[in-house]
């Protein structure tokens, strides 16, 4: 059964949904709520509440009384000096509009002429009332707007509004924005609506008077007049702006965070889907590769059986009485069969490597005999091409080593076969040397040098890839391009290294280094091993 790949496991892990997005929304909402609360605290602290109390103990005013006696009437105002906010009057019907009142001149002895009440929004009056009427009148005298001060020649503007009253104790809360200029006063001075706009920045006096008074006696005892309000200074206004920016920034950060988290989750889902599709494609590719490897293995075995018969009969026919033409035909059949058998063997090796079934069978063997046998195999083909050929071993190379002799031989055959194929003149050498000996192991180097066509620098990286060949078209047609690829796979399985150095037009050197065990009997025969390092001279 095929084992699941790491990619498949990763894809399965990526498909698990992330369950914390709702929690993040809750945390984001809590963060935003905290930011709003902090901004609200900033805003509240920025708004300054203020109160101005005018009472008998405040000492910031001077009292005065007035009545219609100023206009020829006989109404009498009585003020008790011991009680600054207590007064009474007797209203008499001798004037067309009888009235009486009691006023407070503000900020007496202060550095400014009057008080700034523009930052107050409400006035609260607490007083006791006994009289005939059901309402009084609040009168505030203030400096007019700067635009009309010259026109009025310093005269004060009276602002008034009615106060509902009941007999006995009263507490009345009135908004100051209901104060309006006296109509008779505006008309008598010929002011426009804009010119008569109320101005509470310089209030000179606050008075309580009768409104539509009836003949009779009234008495009023004022406890206090309280002005209440709130305002923003420049610094406090900046605090409010800071609070607003804090809320906006927190809202933007929360939105941005949730938006980015949503994008991240979407990307994770897409990646999980892509990983799933990739895992499925990888599994399908593995199945296809396995099927291909099985097919190649089966076909290679099926083809090798008849090929061995053809090659065997070709050898048998060659030893019979044949004329020259028949003998040439038999040799052609024999050579073609051997070439095809070599190709099939290479394909079978590739199939085994891809299927992971390529195994090394290590056993002690005579390395000197192996190298000599390979040398004899190529001595005749080299001589036929007019090449000098030599296969040698350094004296310190162990006689017997432990490795897969068949695969070592296969590597040497591939390297020497390519060297002779791509060398038209000169020489081909195989040299085996000892790189390092340590105890019961030895690192061997196999070097194959030739004076052939060489390999272009841009082709060096590709010579070990399957079906990649160097050289001209004629040479490439003689092989499959699998020999070096298979050799590299074998060397890798032996925990070794294979490399190539080449100069175009001057030749190439292929080197293979492998570490092999040395049988104990061989170590005892050659004496105790000591660490040695020997470098090959350049060919």
Protein backbone atom coordinates (compact mmCIF):
# COMPACT_ATOMS: atom_id res chain seq x y z
CA UNK A 1 0.00 0.00 0.00
CA UNK A 2 1.36 3.44 -0.92
CA UNK A 3 2.24 5.51 2.14
CA UNK A 4 0.76 9.03 2.36
CA UNK A 5 3.24 11.73 1.41
CA UNK A 6 4.21 14.64 3.59
CA UNK A 7 2.43 16.92 1.14
CA UNK A 8 -0.80 15.00 1.63
CA UNK A 9 -0.48 15.27 5.41
CA UNK A 10 0.19 19.01 5.10
CA UNK A 11 -2.87 19.40 2.92
CA UNK A 12 -5.01 17.54 5.43
CA UNK A 13 -3.71 19.81 8.19
CA UNK A 14 -4.37 22.90 6.10
CA UNK A 15 -8.00 21.88 5.59
CA UNK A 16 -8.77 22.18 9.30
CA UNK A 17 -10.87 25.32 9.74
CA UNK A 18 -9.66 28.04 12.04
CA UNK A 19 -12.30 28.57 14.71
CA UNK A 20 -11.07 31.75 16.39
CA UNK A 21 -12.36 34.40 13.96
CA UNK A 22 -15.53 35.03 15.96
CA UNK A 23 -13.42 35.41 19.11
CA UNK A 24 -11.29 37.97 17.31
CA UNK A 25 -14.38 39.96 16.43
CA UNK A 26 -15.36 39.98 20.10
CA UNK A 27 -11.86 41.10 21.10
CA UNK A 28 -11.92 43.81 18.43
CA UNK A 29 -15.29 45.03 19.73
CA UNK A 30 -13.93 45.11 23.28
CA UNK A 31 -10.89 47.07 22.09
CA UNK A 32 -13.13 49.56 20.29
CA UNK A 33 -15.34 49.89 23.38
CA UNK A 34 -12.29 50.60 25.53
CA UNK A 35 -11.13 53.23 23.04
CA UNK A 36 -14.58 54.87 23.01
CA UNK A 37 -14.67 54.85 26.81
CA UNK A 38 -11.25 56.44 27.00
CA UNK A 39 -12.28 59.06 24.44
CA UNK A 40 -15.44 59.75 26.44
CA UNK A 41 -13.37 60.26 29.60
CA UNK A 42 -11.14 62.66 27.66
CA UNK A 43 -14.20 64.52 26.35
CA UNK A 44 -15.80 64.73 29.75
CA UNK A 45 -12.64 66.01 31.37
CA UNK A 46 -12.29 68.52 28.55
CA UNK A 47 -15.69 70.08 29.25
CA UNK A 48 -15.38 72.48 32.18
CA UNK A 49 -18.48 72.90 34.27
CA UNK A 50 -18.81 76.22 36.10
CA UNK A 51 -21.23 77.78 38.52
CA UNK A 52 -21.68 81.40 39.61
CA UNK A 53 -23.76 81.95 42.74
CA UNK A 54 -25.06 85.37 43.71
CA UNK A 55 -26.23 85.30 47.30
CA UNK A 56 -26.16 87.55 50.33
CA UNK A 57 -22.72 86.12 51.17
CA UNK A 58 -21.11 86.45 47.75
CA UNK A 59 -20.18 90.11 48.13
CA UNK A 60 -19.72 90.66 44.40
CA UNK A 61 -22.59 93.05 43.85
CA UNK A 62 -24.30 96.22 45.07
CA UNK A 63 -28.07 96.34 45.49
CA UNK A 64 -30.41 98.97 44.24
CA UNK A 65 -34.18 99.40 44.03
CA UNK A 66 -36.28 101.18 41.42
CA UNK A 67 -39.96 101.88 40.70
CA UNK A 68 -42.35 103.93 38.60
CA UNK A 69 -41.57 106.88 40.87
CA UNK A 70 -38.84 107.61 38.33
CA UNK A 71 -41.62 108.35 35.81
CA UNK A 72 -44.05 110.20 38.15
CA UNK A 73 -45.70 107.22 39.84
CA UNK A 74 -46.13 106.67 43.59
CA UNK A 75 -45.00 103.01 43.93
CA UNK A 76 -42.72 102.65 46.97
CA UNK A 77 -39.82 100.14 47.17
CA UNK A 78 -38.68 99.11 50.64
CA UNK A 79 -35.21 97.54 51.09
CA UNK A 80 -33.85 96.07 54.33
CA UNK A 81 -30.11 96.90 54.50
CA UNK A 82 -29.58 93.97 56.80
CA UNK A 83 -30.98 91.59 54.18
CA UNK A 84 -29.39 92.46 50.81
CA UNK A 85 -31.67 90.21 48.75
CA UNK A 86 -34.91 90.99 50.59
CA UNK A 87 -37.26 93.71 49.39
CA UNK A 88 -40.93 94.68 49.12
CA UNK A 89 -43.02 97.32 47.39
CA UNK A 90 -46.48 98.89 47.47
CA UNK A 91 -47.85 99.26 43.95
CA UNK A 92 -50.18 102.19 43.36
CA UNK A 93 -52.21 102.92 40.29
CA UNK A 94 -50.95 106.47 39.69
CA UNK A 95 -48.81 105.60 36.63
CA UNK A 96 -49.87 104.26 33.28
CA UNK A 97 -47.61 101.23 33.83
CA UNK A 98 -46.89 100.81 37.53
CA UNK A 99 -43.80 98.74 38.38
CA UNK A 100 -41.12 98.17 40.93
CA UNK A 101 -37.95 96.16 41.03
CA UNK A 102 -34.77 95.20 42.81
CA UNK A 103 -31.39 94.92 41.12
CA UNK A 104 -27.82 93.75 41.64
CA UNK A 105 -24.96 95.76 40.13
CA UNK A 106 -22.37 93.04 39.26
CA UNK A 107 -18.60 92.82 39.79
CA UNK A 108 -18.40 95.84 42.01
CA UNK A 109 -14.74 96.50 42.81
CA UNK A 110 -13.53 94.06 40.18
CA UNK A 111 -10.96 94.67 37.49
CA UNK A 112 -13.62 94.58 34.76
CA UNK A 113 -16.81 96.52 34.34
CA UNK A 114 -19.44 93.77 34.59
CA UNK A 115 -19.35 89.96 34.40
CA UNK A 116 -18.97 87.59 31.45
CA UNK A 117 -22.02 85.31 31.54
CA UNK A 118 -21.62 84.06 27.94
CA UNK A 119 -20.30 80.71 29.19
CA UNK A 120 -23.42 80.03 31.24
CA UNK A 121 -26.49 78.36 29.82
CA UNK A 122 -28.94 78.33 32.75
CA UNK A 123 -29.99 80.54 35.65
CA UNK A 124 -31.62 79.07 38.74
CA UNK A 125 -33.62 81.44 41.01
CA UNK A 126 -34.57 80.38 44.55
CA UNK A 127 -36.85 82.83 46.37
CA UNK A 128 -39.99 83.28 48.44
CA UNK A 129 -42.90 85.32 47.00
CA UNK A 130 -45.97 86.96 48.44
CA UNK A 131 -48.09 89.19 46.21
CA UNK A 132 -51.00 89.69 43.84
CA UNK A 133 -49.47 88.59 40.51
CA UNK A 134 -48.45 85.17 39.11
CA UNK A 135 -45.31 86.24 37.34
CA UNK A 136 -42.21 88.36 37.67
CA UNK A 137 -39.65 89.57 35.16
CA UNK A 138 -35.90 88.89 35.00
CA UNK A 139 -34.05 91.86 33.56
CA UNK A 140 -30.36 91.69 32.60
CA UNK A 141 -28.57 94.85 31.53
CA UNK A 142 -25.50 94.35 29.37
CA UNK A 143 -23.25 96.25 27.03
CA UNK A 144 -24.49 96.12 23.43
CA UNK A 145 -22.52 94.69 20.52
CA UNK A 146 -19.35 96.55 19.62
CA UNK A 147 -20.94 97.54 16.29
CA UNK A 148 -23.60 99.68 17.97
CA UNK A 149 -21.79 100.87 21.10
CA UNK A 150 -20.86 104.17 19.47
CA UNK A 151 -24.43 104.64 18.25
CA UNK A 152 -25.85 104.06 21.74
CA UNK A 153 -23.18 106.20 23.38
CA UNK A 154 -22.51 103.75 26.21
CA UNK A 155 -26.15 103.09 27.04
CA UNK A 156 -26.83 99.59 28.38
CA UNK A 157 -29.12 97.12 26.61
CA UNK A 158 -31.94 95.58 28.71
CA UNK A 159 -32.61 91.88 28.12
CA UNK A 160 -35.71 90.38 29.74
CA UNK A 161 -37.85 87.28 30.12
CA UNK A 162 -40.86 86.44 32.33
CA UNK A 163 -40.64 84.23 35.43
CA UNK A 164 -43.70 82.20 36.50
CA UNK A 165 -44.24 82.38 40.26
CA UNK A 166 -46.44 80.91 42.93
CA UNK A 167 -47.14 82.01 46.44
CA UNK A 168 -44.47 80.89 48.85
CA UNK A 169 -41.26 79.08 47.93
CA UNK A 170 -40.12 79.13 44.29
CA UNK A 171 -37.24 77.51 42.45
CA UNK A 172 -37.23 78.43 38.79
CA UNK A 173 -34.71 77.19 36.19
CA UNK A 174 -34.53 79.34 33.07
CA UNK A 175 -32.37 79.05 29.94
CA UNK A 176 -30.38 82.21 29.36
CA UNK A 177 -30.80 81.96 25.60
CA UNK A 178 -34.45 83.07 26.11
CA UNK A 179 -33.31 86.52 27.17
CA UNK A 180 -34.35 89.02 24.51
CA UNK A 181 -34.03 92.82 24.22
CA UNK A 182 -36.99 94.82 25.45
CA UNK A 183 -39.13 95.60 22.42
CA UNK A 184 -39.83 99.18 23.47
CA UNK A 185 -36.12 99.79 23.91
CA UNK A 186 -35.20 98.35 20.48
CA UNK A 187 -37.94 100.39 18.84
CA UNK A 188 -36.98 103.58 20.62
CA UNK A 189 -33.36 103.28 19.41
CA UNK A 190 -34.17 102.14 15.88
CA UNK A 191 -32.02 98.99 16.00
CA UNK A 192 -32.16 96.12 13.55
CA UNK A 193 -32.44 92.50 14.61
CA UNK A 194 -28.70 91.93 14.08
CA UNK A 195 -27.80 95.05 16.02
CA UNK A 196 -30.07 94.07 18.89
CA UNK A 197 -28.58 90.55 19.22
CA UNK A 198 -28.08 89.66 22.91
CA UNK A 199 -24.54 89.97 24.25
CA UNK A 200 -23.78 88.42 27.65
CA UNK A 201 -20.04 89.02 27.65
CA UNK A 202 -20.35 92.19 29.75
CA UNK A 203 -23.36 92.00 32.06
CA UNK A 204 -23.67 95.03 34.28
CA UNK A 205 -26.69 94.12 36.39
CA UNK A 206 -29.34 91.49 37.06
CA UNK A 207 -32.75 92.63 38.37
CA UNK A 208 -36.12 91.14 39.29
CA UNK A 209 -39.13 93.36 38.64
CA UNK A 210 -42.87 93.16 38.46
CA UNK A 211 -44.56 92.22 35.20
CA UNK A 212 -48.11 93.46 34.66
CA UNK A 213 -48.29 94.33 38.35
CA UNK A 214 -51.57 94.69 40.17
CA UNK A 215 -52.19 97.29 42.84
CA UNK A 216 -51.20 95.99 46.21
CA UNK A 217 -48.32 94.83 48.37
CA UNK A 218 -45.70 92.23 47.39
CA UNK A 219 -42.65 90.92 49.21
CA UNK A 220 -39.74 88.89 47.82
CA UNK A 221 -36.88 87.20 49.64
CA UNK A 222 -34.20 85.90 47.23
CA UNK A 223 -32.02 83.07 48.53
CA UNK A 224 -29.64 83.07 45.56
CA UNK A 225 -29.29 83.38 41.82
CA UNK A 226 -27.16 80.56 40.41
CA UNK A 227 -25.70 80.65 36.91
CA UNK A 228 -24.75 77.21 35.56
CA UNK A 229 -22.89 76.28 32.41
CA UNK A 230 -20.04 74.47 30.72
CA UNK A 231 -17.52 75.53 28.11
CA UNK A 232 -14.42 74.46 26.21
CA UNK A 233 -11.13 76.27 26.36
CA UNK A 234 -8.67 76.04 23.47
CA UNK A 235 -6.68 73.34 25.24
CA UNK A 236 -9.84 71.48 26.14
CA UNK A 237 -11.05 71.73 22.57
CA UNK A 238 -7.83 69.98 21.51
CA UNK A 239 -8.61 67.22 24.00
CA UNK A 240 -12.01 66.71 22.39
CA UNK A 241 -10.39 66.56 18.94
CA UNK A 242 -7.87 64.06 20.33
CA UNK A 243 -10.70 61.92 21.68
CA UNK A 244 -12.47 61.98 18.32
CA UNK A 245 -9.29 61.01 16.51
CA UNK A 246 -8.76 58.22 19.03
CA UNK A 247 -12.20 56.80 18.31
CA UNK A 248 -11.73 57.12 14.55
CA UNK A 249 -8.26 55.57 14.69
CA UNK A 250 -9.45 52.71 16.88
CA UNK A 251 -12.38 52.10 14.54
CA UNK A 252 -10.09 52.12 11.51
CA UNK A 253 -7.60 49.77 13.19
CA UNK A 254 -10.37 47.36 14.13
CA UNK A 255 -11.82 47.48 10.62
CA UNK A 256 -8.38 47.06 9.08
CA UNK A 257 -7.51 44.19 11.39
CA UNK A 258 -10.74 42.34 10.68
CA UNK A 259 -10.35 43.03 6.97
CA UNK A 260 -6.77 41.69 6.94
CA UNK A 261 -7.83 38.72 9.03
CA UNK A 262 -10.60 37.99 6.56
CA UNK A 263 -8.10 38.18 3.68
CA UNK A 264 -5.75 35.91 5.59
CA UNK A 265 -8.48 33.36 6.16
CA UNK A 266 -9.45 33.53 2.49
CA UNK A 267 -5.82 32.94 1.49
CA UNK A 268 -5.60 30.03 3.91
CA UNK A 269 -8.68 28.47 2.40
CA UNK A 270 -7.29 28.94 -1.10
CA UNK A 271 -3.94 27.50 -0.04
CA UNK A 272 -5.68 24.55 1.57
CA UNK A 273 -7.64 23.92 -1.62
CA UNK A 274 -4.50 24.28 -3.74
CA UNK A 275 -2.56 22.01 -1.38
CA UNK A 276 -5.35 19.45 -1.64
CA UNK A 277 -5.31 19.59 -5.43
CA UNK A 278 -1.51 19.45 -5.41
CA UNK A 279 -1.56 16.44 -3.09
CA UNK A 280 -4.05 14.70 -5.37
CA UNK A 281 -1.94 15.55 -8.42
CA UNK A 282 1.19 14.34 -6.60
CA UNK A 283 -0.51 11.08 -5.66
CA UNK A 284 -1.69 10.66 -9.24
CA UNK A 285 1.84 11.35 -10.52
CA UNK A 286 3.26 8.84 -8.09
CA UNK A 287 0.72 6.26 -9.21
CA UNK A 288 1.54 7.01 -12.84
CA UNK A 289 5.28 6.80 -12.13
CA UNK A 290 4.81 3.51 -10.32
CA UNK A 291 2.74 2.15 -13.18
CA UNK A 292 5.36 3.33 -15.67
CA UNK A 293 8.15 1.70 -13.64
CA UNK A 294 6.22 -1.58 -13.47
CA UNK A 295 5.53 -1.40 -17.19
CA UNK A 296 9.19 -0.72 -18.02
CA UNK A 297 10.33 -3.51 -15.74
CA UNK A 298 7.91 -6.02 -17.21
CA UNK A 299 8.68 -4.99 -20.78
CA UNK A 300 12.44 -5.11 -20.14
CA UNK A 301 12.19 -8.65 -18.79
CA UNK A 302 9.95 -9.69 -21.68
CA UNK A 303 12.36 -8.22 -24.26
CA UNK A 304 15.54 -9.58 -22.71
CA UNK A 305 14.40 -13.22 -23.08
CA UNK A 306 14.09 -13.23 -26.90
CA UNK A 307 17.14 -10.94 -27.24
CA UNK A 308 19.31 -13.37 -25.31
CA UNK A 309 18.16 -16.11 -27.68
CA UNK A 310 18.92 -13.95 -30.74
CA UNK A 311 22.39 -13.06 -29.43
CA UNK A 312 23.09 -16.69 -28.53
CA UNK A 313 22.11 -17.97 -31.96
CA UNK A 314 24.18 -15.20 -33.57
CA UNK A 315 27.26 -16.42 -31.63
CA UNK A 316 26.49 -19.99 -32.72
CA UNK A 317 26.03 -19.01 -36.39
CA UNK A 318 29.32 -17.10 -36.37
CA UNK A 319 31.17 -20.31 -35.58
CA UNK A 320 29.68 -22.21 -38.52
CA UNK A 321 30.89 -22.23 -42.11
CA UNK A 322 29.68 -18.93 -43.57
CA UNK A 323 30.77 -16.91 -46.53
CA UNK A 324 31.92 -13.32 -46.01
CA UNK A 325 28.52 -11.76 -46.70
CA UNK A 326 26.74 -14.12 -44.32
CA UNK A 327 29.35 -13.61 -41.60
CA UNK A 328 28.98 -9.81 -41.89
CA UNK A 329 25.20 -10.14 -41.57
CA UNK A 330 25.54 -12.36 -38.48
CA UNK A 331 27.93 -9.87 -36.85
CA UNK A 332 25.46 -7.08 -37.55
CA UNK A 333 22.68 -9.07 -35.88
CA UNK A 334 24.96 -9.86 -32.95
CA UNK A 335 26.08 -6.22 -32.47
CA UNK A 336 22.55 -4.89 -32.80
CA UNK A 337 21.26 -7.42 -30.30
CA UNK A 338 23.98 -6.58 -27.77
CA UNK A 339 23.33 -2.86 -28.19
CA UNK A 340 19.61 -3.33 -27.74
CA UNK A 341 20.22 -5.53 -24.69
CA UNK A 342 22.41 -2.80 -23.15
CA UNK A 343 19.68 -0.21 -23.78
CA UNK A 344 17.05 -2.47 -22.19
CA UNK A 345 19.33 -3.06 -19.18
CA UNK A 346 19.72 0.70 -18.76
CA UNK A 347 15.96 1.22 -18.96
CA UNK A 348 15.42 -1.52 -16.41
CA UNK A 349 17.91 0.15 -14.05
CA UNK A 350 16.13 3.50 -14.46
CA UNK A 351 12.80 1.85 -13.70
CA UNK A 352 14.23 0.24 -10.56
CA UNK A 353 15.73 3.53 -9.39
CA UNK A 354 12.45 5.43 -9.90
CA UNK A 355 10.51 2.68 -8.13
CA UNK A 356 12.94 2.73 -5.20
CA UNK A 357 13.81 -0.93 -5.75
CA UNK A 358 17.39 -0.47 -6.86
CA UNK A 359 19.48 -2.32 -4.29
CA UNK A 360 23.19 -2.77 -3.74
CA UNK A 361 24.45 -6.23 -2.86
CA UNK A 362 27.77 -5.68 -1.11
CA UNK A 363 30.21 -8.55 -0.83
CA UNK A 364 34.01 -8.93 -0.71
CA UNK A 365 35.63 -9.13 -4.16
CA UNK A 366 39.04 -8.72 -5.79
CA UNK A 367 39.20 -5.08 -6.94
CA UNK A 368 42.39 -5.64 -8.94
CA UNK A 369 40.83 -8.48 -10.94
CA UNK A 370 37.68 -6.38 -11.48
CA UNK A 371 39.67 -3.43 -12.89
CA UNK A 372 41.83 -5.76 -14.99
CA UNK A 373 38.72 -7.44 -16.42
CA UNK A 374 37.14 -4.10 -17.34
CA UNK A 375 40.45 -3.04 -18.92
CA UNK A 376 40.58 -6.15 -21.06
CA UNK A 377 36.99 -5.50 -22.15
CA UNK A 378 37.94 -2.10 -23.62
CA UNK A 379 41.47 -2.76 -24.77
CA UNK A 380 40.37 -4.14 -28.14
CA UNK A 381 37.81 -1.35 -28.94
CA UNK A 382 40.47 1.23 -28.05
CA UNK A 383 43.05 -0.44 -30.27
CA UNK A 384 40.56 -0.58 -33.14
CA UNK A 385 40.25 3.25 -32.92
CA UNK A 386 44.03 3.65 -32.65
CA UNK A 387 43.92 4.85 -29.05
CA UNK A 388 46.48 4.25 -26.30
CA UNK A 389 44.66 2.62 -23.41
CA UNK A 390 45.82 1.81 -19.89
CA UNK A 391 44.05 0.62 -16.73
CA UNK A 392 46.19 0.83 -13.56
CA UNK A 393 45.94 0.71 -9.78
CA UNK A 394 48.28 2.43 -7.33
CA UNK A 395 50.32 0.03 -5.15
CA UNK A 396 48.52 1.05 -1.96
CA UNK A 397 45.03 0.25 -3.30
CA UNK A 398 43.62 -2.71 -1.30
CA UNK A 399 43.42 -6.02 -3.14
CA UNK A 400 40.02 -6.92 -1.80
CA UNK A 401 37.19 -4.57 -0.81
CA UNK A 402 33.56 -5.02 0.12
CA UNK A 403 31.04 -3.50 -2.33
CA UNK A 404 28.62 -4.44 -5.10
CA UNK A 405 31.10 -5.66 -7.74
CA UNK A 406 28.47 -5.66 -10.49
CA UNK A 407 27.63 -1.97 -9.91
CA UNK A 408 31.30 -0.94 -9.62
CA UNK A 409 31.93 -2.70 -12.91
CA UNK A 410 28.85 -1.01 -14.43
CA UNK A 411 30.14 2.46 -13.42
CA UNK A 412 33.58 1.79 -14.95
CA UNK A 413 32.05 0.38 -18.13
CA UNK A 414 29.84 3.45 -18.58
CA UNK A 415 32.74 5.88 -18.00
CA UNK A 416 35.22 4.02 -20.23
CA UNK A 417 32.61 3.42 -22.94
CA UNK A 418 31.86 7.14 -23.14
CA UNK A 419 35.58 8.03 -23.09
CA UNK A 420 36.40 5.74 -26.02
CA UNK A 421 33.25 6.76 -27.93
CA UNK A 422 34.07 10.48 -27.75
CA UNK A 423 37.84 10.14 -28.32
CA UNK A 424 39.01 10.03 -31.93
CA UNK A 425 42.76 10.03 -31.25
CA UNK A 426 45.13 10.09 -28.33
CA UNK A 427 44.62 8.05 -25.22
CA UNK A 428 42.15 6.84 -22.59
CA UNK A 429 43.35 5.99 -19.07
CA UNK A 430 41.68 4.38 -16.07
CA UNK A 431 43.50 4.93 -12.80
CA UNK A 432 42.44 3.71 -9.34
CA UNK A 433 44.07 5.34 -6.31
CA UNK A 434 43.69 5.38 -2.55
CA UNK A 435 42.51 8.77 -1.26
CA UNK A 436 42.35 7.87 2.41
CA UNK A 437 42.61 4.75 4.55
CA UNK A 438 41.20 4.67 8.07
CA UNK A 439 41.06 1.43 9.99
CA UNK A 440 38.83 -1.04 8.13
CA UNK A 441 37.57 1.44 5.51
CA UNK A 442 39.19 2.95 2.45
CA UNK A 443 38.18 5.85 0.24
CA UNK A 444 38.95 5.03 -3.40
CA UNK A 445 39.12 7.27 -6.41
CA UNK A 446 38.45 6.03 -9.96
CA UNK A 447 39.63 8.51 -12.60
CA UNK A 448 38.95 8.12 -16.33
CA UNK A 449 40.96 10.54 -18.52
CA UNK A 450 40.64 10.97 -22.27
CA UNK A 451 41.88 13.28 -25.00
CA UNK A 452 38.53 13.43 -26.74
CA UNK A 453 36.29 16.23 -27.91
CA UNK A 454 35.61 17.51 -24.41
CA UNK A 455 32.39 18.98 -23.08
CA UNK A 456 31.23 22.57 -23.42
CA UNK A 457 30.93 24.45 -20.11
CA UNK A 458 27.17 24.94 -20.60
CA UNK A 459 26.73 21.16 -20.97
CA UNK A 460 28.65 20.06 -17.87
CA UNK A 461 25.64 20.29 -15.54
CA UNK A 462 23.43 18.27 -17.87
CA UNK A 463 25.61 15.23 -18.62
CA UNK A 464 24.38 13.44 -15.50
CA UNK A 465 20.69 14.01 -16.27
CA UNK A 466 18.67 11.24 -17.95
CA UNK A 467 18.66 11.29 -21.76
CA UNK A 468 21.16 14.19 -21.82
CA UNK A 469 24.18 13.68 -24.14
CA UNK A 470 27.18 15.79 -25.04
CA UNK A 471 29.13 15.77 -28.28
CA UNK A 472 28.01 16.03 -31.89
CA UNK A 473 24.85 14.53 -33.37
CA UNK A 474 26.60 11.44 -34.68
CA UNK A 475 27.97 10.51 -31.26
CA UNK A 476 24.64 11.21 -29.52
CA UNK A 477 22.86 8.83 -31.91
CA UNK A 478 25.00 5.96 -30.64
CA UNK A 479 23.63 6.02 -27.07
CA UNK A 480 20.59 6.65 -24.90
CA UNK A 481 22.01 9.21 -22.49
CA UNK A 482 21.24 6.98 -19.51
CA UNK A 483 24.70 5.65 -18.64
CA UNK A 484 25.99 8.65 -16.69
CA UNK A 485 22.61 9.22 -15.02
CA UNK A 486 22.55 5.61 -13.79
CA UNK A 487 26.19 5.85 -12.71
CA UNK A 488 25.43 8.93 -10.62
CA UNK A 489 22.48 7.16 -8.98
CA UNK A 490 24.66 4.17 -8.13
CA UNK A 491 27.44 6.37 -6.73
CA UNK A 492 24.88 8.28 -4.64
CA UNK A 493 23.56 5.01 -3.20
CA UNK A 494 27.17 4.13 -2.31
CA UNK A 495 27.41 7.45 -0.39
CA UNK A 496 30.03 8.57 -2.89
CA UNK A 497 30.64 11.45 -5.29
CA UNK A 498 30.97 11.69 -9.06
CA UNK A 499 32.24 14.69 -10.99
CA UNK A 500 33.62 15.85 -14.29
CA UNK A 501 36.28 18.29 -15.47
CA UNK A 502 36.55 19.04 -19.16
CA UNK A 503 38.11 21.40 -21.68
CA UNK A 504 36.43 21.63 -25.04
CA UNK A 505 38.66 20.10 -27.72
CA UNK A 506 41.25 18.79 -25.22
CA UNK A 507 39.51 16.04 -23.30
CA UNK A 508 37.71 15.20 -20.08
CA UNK A 509 38.26 13.65 -16.69
CA UNK A 510 35.48 11.81 -14.84
CA UNK A 511 36.19 10.97 -11.20
CA UNK A 512 34.28 8.74 -8.80
CA UNK A 513 35.06 8.58 -5.08
CA UNK A 514 33.50 5.93 -2.86
CA UNK A 515 34.23 4.73 0.66
CA UNK A 516 34.26 0.95 0.97
CA UNK A 517 34.94 -1.46 3.83
CA UNK A 518 38.14 -3.48 3.65
CA UNK A 519 37.87 -7.12 4.81
CA UNK A 520 39.62 -7.78 8.09
CA UNK A 521 41.88 -10.37 6.51
CA UNK A 522 43.10 -7.79 3.98
CA UNK A 523 43.84 -5.28 6.79
CA UNK A 524 45.82 -7.89 8.75
CA UNK A 525 47.76 -8.91 5.62
CA UNK A 526 48.83 -5.33 4.82
CA UNK A 527 49.54 -4.33 8.43
CA UNK A 528 47.83 -1.77 10.70
CA UNK A 529 46.29 1.11 8.77
CA UNK A 530 47.32 4.65 9.52
CA UNK A 531 45.54 7.79 8.34
CA UNK A 532 46.90 8.74 4.95
CA UNK A 533 45.87 11.26 2.30
CA UNK A 534 47.23 10.94 -1.23
CA UNK A 535 46.40 13.35 -4.06
CA UNK A 536 46.37 12.32 -7.71
CA UNK A 537 48.62 14.11 -10.11
CA UNK A 538 46.93 15.82 -13.03
CA UNK A 539 46.76 13.63 -16.07
